[in-house]
Amino acid sequence: MSLPRKPSTSFALPLALVEEPGTCSVLRLVEACGLRHEQQVLVVDAAEPWRDGFGFLSEEGRGFPAQRSRQEPHRVFVRVALEPFEILNLRPGLLSGADQTAAARDDGRVTCRVDSGGAAEISNGRFSLKAPMEISPGLDAPGPVLGFRIGKGPWRGRSFIDSRRRVVQARGELLEEGPLRAVYRYHVELEGEGRYEAVVTVDAGALFARIDEEFQAGCGDQLVWDFTGADLPSRLCLLEIPIPARRRWRQAPSR
């Protein structure tokens, strides 16, 4: 197994791949800023197809599970964390049975399923979201998120496309299905060559989903996020300027 010299990464850590004589490539992670980085998912290019049970091994023998990309088999996802000034040298290899079992039992892993209503549910234990899969043509179409919840809490919110034009086609698909990363794509076509596309990424252990959107819309077309009733906050906090500061502002002479 060999790795190219320039891997891609999903977050800003200083990365380098170095070739050592007589060995395979090493994925080197360097924390040079004195900051702690929580676990995040990296995207790494692999020169050969990734086999089941493979991951990355540190010099101390720690195993880091990896997920092969379904859309791009030459790429793998790996989840790592770094302490201040830590340097990790990782080599691809077969994980031990204990590491594979621990990864399978990880509460933060990403899971995907399609419910009886035809919606995809993506969860990483910390939060879940529902997304549409197949929508009939018509005047209305949901947005990329049908609802979300924290932990096992109630489902909240929704999104929908507000347009005067008819929806010609709307469909969603799961591009990646975990356990380290799930990627969902939603595509809507409107009359008159209008379109909307969203790609939703959920990583293991993350507290948020990343949504990348593209529009080709007309006047008045918009994506609406709807929070009403019990979805509204129970308490509203306002930031108010202290009274002395307001008095000074009022007494300032005009020029």
Protein backbone atom coordinates (compact mmCIF):
# COMPACT_ATOMS: atom_id res chain seq x y z
CA MET A 1 0.00 0.00 0.00
CA SER A 2 1.39 3.39 -0.98
CA LEU A 3 0.16 6.93 -0.64
CA PRO A 4 0.73 9.96 -2.90
CA ARG A 5 2.73 12.93 -1.77
CA LYS A 6 -0.17 15.38 -1.68
CA PRO A 7 -3.20 14.13 0.28
CA SER A 8 -6.33 16.26 0.53
CA THR A 9 -7.74 17.16 3.91
CA SER A 10 -11.07 18.46 5.17
CA PHE A 11 -9.61 20.81 7.76
CA ALA A 12 -6.62 23.07 8.20
CA LEU A 13 -3.87 21.02 9.79
CA PRO A 14 -0.28 21.13 8.52
CA LEU A 15 0.08 17.80 6.66
CA ALA A 16 2.97 16.19 4.86
CA LEU A 17 3.66 12.78 3.32
CA VAL A 18 7.29 11.70 3.39
CA GLU A 19 8.98 8.78 1.70
CA GLU A 20 11.36 6.76 3.86
CA PRO A 21 13.90 4.45 2.17
CA GLY A 22 12.72 0.84 2.16
CA THR A 23 9.28 1.62 3.62
CA CYS A 24 5.85 2.62 2.39
CA SER A 25 4.69 6.21 2.54
CA VAL A 26 3.96 7.81 5.88
CA LEU A 27 1.06 10.13 6.60
CA ARG A 28 2.61 12.74 8.90
CA LEU A 29 0.36 15.01 10.96
CA VAL A 30 2.13 17.93 12.62
CA GLU A 31 0.54 20.28 15.18
CA ALA A 32 2.85 23.31 15.14
CA CYS A 33 0.63 25.97 16.74
CA GLY A 34 0.34 24.72 20.33
CA LEU A 35 -3.39 24.06 19.98
CA ARG A 36 -5.48 21.01 20.73
CA HIS A 37 -7.51 19.69 17.79
CA GLU A 38 -10.57 17.59 18.56
CA GLN A 39 -11.27 14.51 16.49
CA GLN A 40 -11.96 15.40 12.87
CA VAL A 41 -12.21 13.49 9.61
CA LEU A 42 -9.42 13.66 7.04
CA VAL A 43 -9.69 12.73 3.37
CA VAL A 44 -6.59 10.90 2.14
CA ASP A 45 -5.76 9.66 -1.36
CA ALA A 46 -4.74 6.02 -1.54
CA ALA A 47 -2.85 4.76 -4.58
CA GLU A 48 -4.40 1.28 -4.34
CA PRO A 49 -7.93 0.08 -3.50
CA TRP A 50 -8.52 0.10 0.25
CA ARG A 51 -9.25 -3.32 1.74
CA ASP A 52 -11.78 -4.03 4.49
CA GLY A 53 -10.20 -3.98 7.94
CA PHE A 54 -7.46 -1.58 6.86
CA GLY A 55 -6.73 1.61 8.75
CA PHE A 56 -3.72 3.64 9.88
CA LEU A 57 -1.21 2.56 12.52
CA SER A 58 0.94 4.90 14.59
CA GLU A 59 4.52 4.18 15.61
CA GLU A 60 3.22 3.24 19.08
CA GLY A 61 0.78 0.74 17.61
CA ARG A 62 -2.40 2.80 17.99
CA GLY A 63 -5.01 1.97 15.38
CA PHE A 64 -7.02 4.60 13.49
CA PRO A 65 -10.01 3.10 11.62
CA ALA A 66 -10.58 4.26 8.06
CA GLN A 67 -13.54 4.29 5.68
CA ARG A 68 -13.15 3.79 1.95
CA SER A 69 -15.07 6.31 -0.16
CA ARG A 70 -17.86 4.72 -2.15
CA GLN A 71 -17.85 7.49 -4.75
CA GLU A 72 -14.06 7.69 -5.07
CA PRO A 73 -12.54 4.30 -4.17
CA HIS A 74 -9.02 5.75 -4.31
CA ARG A 75 -9.84 7.93 -1.30
CA VAL A 76 -10.29 7.02 2.35
CA PHE A 77 -11.57 8.87 5.42
CA VAL A 78 -9.70 8.68 8.71
CA ARG A 79 -10.62 10.26 12.05
CA VAL A 80 -7.82 11.73 14.16
CA ALA A 81 -7.18 14.21 16.98
CA LEU A 82 -4.00 16.08 17.86
CA GLU A 83 -2.62 17.43 21.13
CA PRO A 84 -0.50 20.63 21.22
CA PHE A 85 2.78 20.14 19.31
CA GLU A 86 1.99 16.47 18.68
CA ILE A 87 3.46 14.70 15.65
CA LEU A 88 1.77 11.57 14.32
CA ASN A 89 3.39 9.31 11.75
CA LEU A 90 0.73 6.95 10.40
CA ARG A 91 1.16 4.03 8.03
CA PRO A 92 -1.67 2.10 6.35
CA GLY A 93 -2.12 -1.44 7.57
CA LEU A 94 -4.48 -4.09 8.87
CA LEU A 95 -6.09 -3.11 12.19
CA SER A 96 -6.13 -5.50 15.12
CA GLY A 97 -9.33 -7.28 16.04
CA ALA A 98 -9.62 -5.12 19.19
CA ASP A 99 -9.38 -1.90 17.16
CA GLN A 100 -11.99 -3.12 14.68
CA THR A 101 -14.35 -4.12 17.50
CA ALA A 102 -13.91 -0.75 19.24
CA ALA A 103 -14.69 1.07 15.99
CA ALA A 104 -17.86 -1.00 15.47
CA ARG A 105 -19.04 -0.12 19.00
CA ASP A 106 -18.21 3.60 18.76
CA ASP A 107 -21.33 5.58 19.75
CA GLY A 108 -20.16 8.48 17.57
CA ARG A 109 -20.09 6.54 14.29
CA VAL A 110 -22.37 7.71 11.49
CA THR A 111 -25.37 5.57 10.57
CA CYS A 112 -27.85 5.95 7.71
CA ARG A 113 -31.25 4.41 7.11
CA VAL A 114 -34.37 5.10 5.04
CA ASP A 115 -37.56 5.16 7.13
CA SER A 116 -41.02 3.94 6.17
CA GLY A 117 -41.94 7.41 4.89
CA GLY A 118 -39.14 7.37 2.33
CA ALA A 119 -36.86 9.85 4.15
CA ALA A 120 -33.18 9.24 4.87
CA GLU A 121 -32.18 9.55 8.51
CA ILE A 122 -28.51 10.33 9.15
CA SER A 123 -27.23 10.20 12.73
CA ASN A 124 -23.91 10.29 14.58
CA GLY A 125 -25.31 9.89 18.08
CA ARG A 126 -24.95 13.57 18.92
CA PHE A 127 -27.53 14.76 16.39
CA SER A 128 -29.70 13.39 13.60
CA LEU A 129 -31.30 14.86 10.52
CA LYS A 130 -33.90 13.68 8.04
CA ALA A 131 -33.60 14.31 4.31
CA PRO A 132 -35.95 13.64 1.37
CA MET A 133 -35.16 10.91 -1.15
CA GLU A 134 -37.82 10.94 -3.90
CA ILE A 135 -40.37 13.75 -4.40
CA SER A 136 -43.28 13.79 -6.84
CA PRO A 137 -43.33 16.69 -9.35
CA GLY A 138 -45.63 19.57 -8.42
CA LEU A 139 -45.76 23.08 -7.04
CA ASP A 140 -44.04 22.32 -3.73
CA ALA A 141 -40.76 20.67 -2.81
CA PRO A 142 -39.04 20.27 0.55
CA GLY A 143 -35.55 21.56 1.15
CA PRO A 144 -32.60 19.31 1.95
CA VAL A 145 -33.53 18.97 5.65
CA LEU A 146 -36.94 17.69 6.76
CA GLY A 147 -36.03 18.04 10.44
CA PHE A 148 -33.24 17.56 12.94
CA ARG A 149 -32.83 16.69 16.60
CA ILE A 150 -30.19 16.69 19.32
CA GLY A 151 -29.54 13.27 20.80
CA LYS A 152 -32.89 11.54 21.35
CA GLY A 153 -34.79 14.83 21.64
CA PRO A 154 -37.80 15.92 19.57
CA TRP A 155 -37.56 16.56 15.84
CA ARG A 156 -37.46 20.27 15.06
CA GLY A 157 -37.55 22.59 12.08
CA ARG A 158 -37.87 21.96 8.37
CA SER A 159 -36.81 23.53 5.09
CA PHE A 160 -38.70 24.01 1.85
CA ILE A 161 -38.25 25.63 -1.55
CA ASP A 162 -40.39 28.71 -2.11
CA SER A 163 -40.86 29.34 -5.84
CA ARG A 164 -43.64 30.35 -8.21
CA ARG A 165 -42.28 27.86 -10.72
CA ARG A 166 -43.29 24.22 -10.90
CA VAL A 167 -40.92 21.57 -9.55
CA VAL A 168 -39.97 19.30 -12.47
CA GLN A 169 -37.85 16.87 -10.46
CA ALA A 170 -36.58 16.52 -6.88
CA ARG A 171 -34.55 13.62 -5.56
CA GLY A 172 -31.97 12.81 -2.93
CA GLU A 173 -29.25 10.18 -2.72
CA LEU A 174 -26.76 8.92 -0.17
CA LEU A 175 -23.25 9.18 -1.62
CA GLU A 176 -21.42 7.96 1.49
CA GLU A 177 -23.00 6.03 4.38
CA GLY A 178 -20.48 6.03 7.24
CA PRO A 179 -19.20 4.96 9.66
CA LEU A 180 -16.83 7.96 9.62
CA ARG A 181 -18.57 10.19 7.07
CA ALA A 182 -22.00 10.31 5.45
CA VAL A 183 -22.66 12.49 2.40
CA TYR A 184 -26.15 13.21 1.07
CA ARG A 185 -26.93 15.07 -2.17
CA TYR A 186 -30.27 16.72 -2.96
CA HIS A 187 -31.11 18.00 -6.45
CA VAL A 188 -34.18 20.01 -7.50
CA GLU A 189 -35.04 21.10 -11.04
CA LEU A 190 -37.53 23.92 -11.63
CA GLU A 191 -39.29 25.02 -14.78
CA GLY A 192 -37.27 27.39 -16.92
CA GLU A 193 -33.84 25.82 -16.25
CA GLY A 194 -33.89 26.71 -12.56
CA ARG A 195 -32.20 24.34 -10.16
CA TYR A 196 -31.10 23.93 -6.56
CA GLU A 197 -28.54 21.46 -5.22
CA ALA A 198 -27.30 20.80 -1.70
CA VAL A 199 -24.61 18.43 -0.42
CA VAL A 200 -24.91 17.60 3.29
CA THR A 201 -21.90 16.14 5.11
CA VAL A 202 -22.13 14.53 8.56
CA ASP A 203 -18.94 13.32 10.28
CA ALA A 204 -18.53 10.94 13.19
CA GLY A 205 -18.60 12.76 16.52
CA ALA A 206 -19.27 16.19 14.97
CA LEU A 207 -21.69 18.67 16.54
CA PHE A 208 -22.89 20.05 13.20
CA ALA A 209 -23.61 19.15 9.59
CA ARG A 210 -21.99 21.02 6.71
CA ILE A 211 -24.32 22.05 3.88
CA ASP A 212 -22.86 23.22 0.55
CA GLU A 213 -25.46 24.76 -1.76
CA GLU A 214 -25.67 25.81 -5.41
CA PHE A 215 -28.48 27.90 -6.89
CA GLN A 216 -29.63 28.75 -10.36
CA ALA A 217 -32.77 30.58 -9.34
CA GLY A 218 -35.09 33.28 -10.59
CA CYS A 219 -36.58 36.37 -8.96
CA GLY A 220 -38.31 35.41 -5.71
CA ASP A 221 -36.98 31.85 -5.57
CA GLN A 222 -35.60 30.98 -2.15
CA LEU A 223 -34.91 28.22 0.34
CA VAL A 224 -36.87 28.75 3.57
CA TRP A 225 -35.97 27.40 7.02
CA ASP A 226 -39.11 27.14 9.12
CA PHE A 227 -39.09 27.14 12.93
CA THR A 228 -42.50 27.64 14.54
CA GLY A 229 -44.40 26.70 17.67
CA ALA A 230 -42.40 24.43 19.97
CA ASP A 231 -39.33 24.88 17.74
CA LEU A 232 -38.95 28.51 18.83
CA PRO A 233 -36.59 29.30 21.75
CA SER A 234 -38.21 29.36 25.19
CA ARG A 235 -36.22 32.44 26.26
CA LEU A 236 -34.98 35.47 24.33
CA CYS A 237 -31.89 37.36 25.51
CA LEU A 238 -31.18 40.88 24.22
CA LEU A 239 -27.86 42.68 24.33
CA GLU A 240 -28.53 46.23 25.59
CA ILE A 241 -26.10 49.16 25.74
CA PRO A 242 -25.52 50.26 29.38
CA ILE A 243 -27.35 53.46 30.37
CA PRO A 244 -24.19 55.54 31.09
CA ALA A 245 -22.86 54.72 27.64
CA ARG A 246 -26.15 55.75 26.04
CA ARG A 247 -26.10 59.03 27.98
CA ARG A 248 -22.59 59.80 26.78
CA TRP A 249 -23.66 59.08 23.22
CA ARG A 250 -26.67 61.39 23.53
CA GLN A 251 -24.60 64.21 25.03
CA ALA A 252 -21.95 64.10 22.34
CA PRO A 253 -21.90 67.52 20.62
CA SER A 254 -22.93 67.64 17.00
CA ARG A 255 -20.59 69.09 14.38
